[in-house]
Every structure is written in C-alpha cells, then in structure tokens.
Amino acid sequence: MDALLSITGMLVCLFGLVRVILAYTGTTRSAAPDPERVKRFIDSAPPIQAPLINDSNRTDSQ
C-alpha cells in the first residue's frame, strides 16, 4: 500500500512539473514584442514641436 501511495505521489508531481514547464514556455513566448505593433506605435506618436526641441537644447548648454 505504501508503494502504491509513493508511486501515485511521484506521478502527480511529474504531471505538475510538466504543467509548469508548459505554462512557463507559453508565457515567455507571448512576452516577445511584435515588431509590426512597435512600428505602428512609434509611427502614431505625435511629432515633437520645434519650440520644445529648441528649449531642451538651450537648457542642456547652460
């Protein structure tokens, strides 16, 4: 009876380990940035206004 309980416990642990590994690989794959979406995000940004550019250069040189 003890052997059956031990074997069952080991099988449950192995099953859990496989589930954790599959979940981990799924999350790392989905965290990679999509280059097309990044490009669209950058392209949709409003342009920087000229006075803001000139003001930032003036404060850097002081």
Protein backbone atom coordinates (compact mmCIF):
# COMPACT_ATOMS: atom_id res chain seq x y z
CA MET A 1 0.00 0.00 0.00
CA ASP A 2 2.86 2.38 0.82
CA ALA A 3 4.49 1.70 -2.54
CA LEU A 4 1.25 2.49 -4.37
CA LEU A 5 0.92 5.76 -2.45
CA SER A 6 4.52 6.71 -3.20
CA ILE A 7 4.21 5.92 -6.90
CA THR A 8 0.96 7.90 -7.12
CA GLY A 9 2.63 10.88 -5.41
CA MET A 10 5.57 10.78 -7.81
CA LEU A 11 3.25 10.63 -10.82
CA VAL A 12 1.27 13.62 -9.55
CA CYS A 13 4.50 15.57 -9.05
CA LEU A 14 5.71 14.71 -12.56
CA PHE A 15 2.37 15.74 -14.02
CA GLY A 16 2.60 19.04 -12.13
CA LEU A 17 6.16 19.59 -13.35
CA VAL A 18 5.10 19.09 -16.97
CA ARG A 19 2.21 21.55 -16.49
CA VAL A 20 4.53 24.18 -15.01
CA ILE A 21 7.05 23.79 -17.84
CA LEU A 22 4.32 24.13 -20.48
CA ALA A 23 2.86 27.20 -18.76
CA TYR A 24 6.31 28.80 -18.49
CA THR A 25 7.14 28.27 -22.16
CA GLY A 26 3.76 29.75 -23.11
CA THR A 27 4.33 32.91 -21.09
CA THR A 28 7.85 33.54 -22.36
CA ARG A 29 6.72 33.15 -25.95
CA SER A 30 3.84 35.62 -25.53
CA ALA A 31 6.07 38.26 -23.89
CA ALA A 32 8.15 38.85 -27.01
CA PRO A 33 7.38 42.22 -28.67
CA ASP A 34 5.71 42.22 -32.05
CA PRO A 35 7.91 44.36 -34.37
CA GLU A 36 4.95 45.42 -36.51
CA ARG A 37 2.97 46.67 -33.48
CA VAL A 38 6.03 48.53 -32.14
CA LYS A 39 6.49 50.23 -35.52
CA ARG A 40 2.81 51.27 -35.65
CA PHE A 41 3.04 52.63 -32.09
CA ILE A 42 6.10 54.73 -32.91
CA ASP A 43 4.59 55.96 -36.17
CA SER A 44 1.38 57.04 -34.39
CA ALA A 45 3.23 59.28 -31.89
CA PRO A 46 2.62 63.00 -32.30
CA PRO A 47 5.54 64.99 -33.71
CA ILE A 48 7.74 66.94 -31.32
CA GLN A 49 7.10 70.67 -31.59
CA ALA A 50 10.02 72.87 -32.64
CA PRO A 51 9.94 75.20 -29.56
CA LEU A 52 10.25 72.19 -27.27
CA ILE A 53 13.31 70.98 -29.17
CA ASN A 54 14.93 74.44 -29.03
CA ASP A 55 14.17 74.84 -25.31
CA SER A 56 15.71 71.49 -24.46
CA ASN A 57 18.91 72.39 -26.36
CA ARG A 58 19.14 75.73 -24.56
CA THR A 59 18.82 74.15 -21.08
CA ASP A 60 21.43 71.48 -21.89
CA SER A 61 24.07 74.06 -22.81
CA GLN A 62 23.58 76.16 -19.64
